[in-house]
Amino acid sequence: MLIALIFRVFLRKRLVAAAREQADKGIAGSMEGHAAMDMSVGGPGSFWRRLTSPRGYTAVSHIFVMEWAAIWKDTCGRNC
């Protein structure tokens, strides 16, 4: 409820129109390329075996770094 109220107070029509205009340009953001990456680890074996395989470690480490990069960017913005 609180977030909806804050949006209602601070999110003006001009800002929404500008956001839609930017979205319509189709320009990918700095983190959107990561969303297209396939981090699945297929193949034979149980989930645990695939997770602890070298490909599994690589996939988990990439996701870990990308998530922390997104959090860092969201919290610090351009100030860090």
Protein backbone atom coordinates (compact mmCIF):
# COMPACT_ATOMS: atom_id res chain seq x y z
CA MET A 1 0.00 0.00 0.00
CA LEU A 2 2.77 2.39 0.92
CA ILE A 3 4.59 1.93 -2.40
CA ALA A 4 1.34 2.40 -4.32
CA LEU A 5 0.73 5.63 -2.40
CA ILE A 6 4.27 6.85 -3.04
CA PHE A 7 3.89 6.08 -6.76
CA ARG A 8 0.59 7.95 -6.83
CA VAL A 9 2.19 11.01 -5.24
CA PHE A 10 5.52 11.13 -7.07
CA LEU A 11 4.91 9.41 -10.42
CA ARG A 12 3.62 12.17 -12.66
CA LYS A 13 2.14 11.76 -16.14
CA ARG A 14 5.10 13.59 -17.66
CA LEU A 15 7.52 11.09 -16.12
CA VAL A 16 5.43 8.11 -17.28
CA ALA A 17 5.26 9.56 -20.81
CA ALA A 18 9.03 10.04 -20.87
CA ALA A 19 9.57 6.46 -19.66
CA ARG A 20 7.26 5.09 -22.35
CA GLU A 21 9.02 7.12 -25.00
CA GLN A 22 12.38 5.75 -23.88
CA ALA A 23 11.04 2.18 -23.79
CA ASP A 24 9.62 2.54 -27.30
CA LYS A 25 13.12 3.29 -28.62
CA GLY A 26 14.00 -0.36 -28.02
CA ILE A 27 17.44 0.42 -26.62
CA ALA A 28 18.62 -2.28 -24.23
CA GLY A 29 19.64 -1.15 -20.78
CA SER A 30 23.00 -1.95 -19.28
CA MET A 31 21.75 -5.10 -17.52
CA GLU A 32 19.26 -6.39 -20.10
CA GLY A 33 21.82 -8.38 -22.04
CA HIS A 34 22.34 -10.58 -19.01
CA ALA A 35 18.68 -11.55 -18.93
CA ALA A 36 19.06 -13.16 -22.34
CA MET A 37 21.91 -15.38 -21.18
CA ASP A 38 21.09 -19.05 -20.71
CA MET A 39 22.47 -20.13 -17.35
CA SER A 40 20.85 -23.56 -17.36
CA VAL A 41 23.08 -26.58 -16.95
CA GLY A 42 21.52 -29.48 -18.79
CA GLY A 43 22.68 -32.99 -19.32
CA PRO A 44 22.49 -36.30 -17.57
CA GLY A 45 22.59 -36.74 -13.85
CA SER A 46 20.79 -35.39 -10.84
CA PHE A 47 20.32 -31.72 -10.08
CA TRP A 48 23.05 -31.89 -7.41
CA ARG A 49 25.52 -33.52 -9.83
CA ARG A 50 24.87 -30.86 -12.49
CA LEU A 51 25.08 -28.07 -9.90
CA THR A 52 28.46 -29.24 -8.60
CA SER A 53 29.90 -29.82 -12.07
CA PRO A 54 32.39 -27.29 -13.53
CA ARG A 55 29.63 -25.85 -15.77
CA GLY A 56 27.36 -25.61 -12.73
CA TYR A 57 29.95 -23.69 -10.72
CA THR A 58 30.49 -21.34 -13.65
CA ALA A 59 26.76 -20.70 -14.08
CA VAL A 60 26.25 -20.06 -10.36
CA SER A 61 29.26 -17.74 -10.18
CA HIS A 62 28.03 -15.73 -13.18
CA ILE A 63 24.57 -15.35 -11.68
CA PHE A 64 26.08 -14.36 -8.31
CA VAL A 65 28.25 -11.65 -9.86
CA MET A 66 25.43 -10.32 -12.06
CA GLU A 67 23.01 -10.11 -9.13
CA TRP A 68 25.52 -8.23 -6.97
CA ALA A 69 26.38 -5.92 -9.85
CA ALA A 70 22.69 -5.11 -10.24
CA ILE A 71 22.29 -4.49 -6.51
CA TRP A 72 25.41 -2.30 -6.46
CA LYS A 73 24.16 -0.28 -9.41
CA ASP A 74 20.69 0.11 -7.89
CA THR A 75 21.96 1.25 -4.51
CA CYS A 76 24.89 3.40 -5.53
CA GLY A 77 23.85 4.65 -8.95
CA ARG A 78 26.52 6.81 -10.51
CA ASN A 79 27.88 7.97 -7.16
CA CYS A 80 30.06 4.89 -6.54
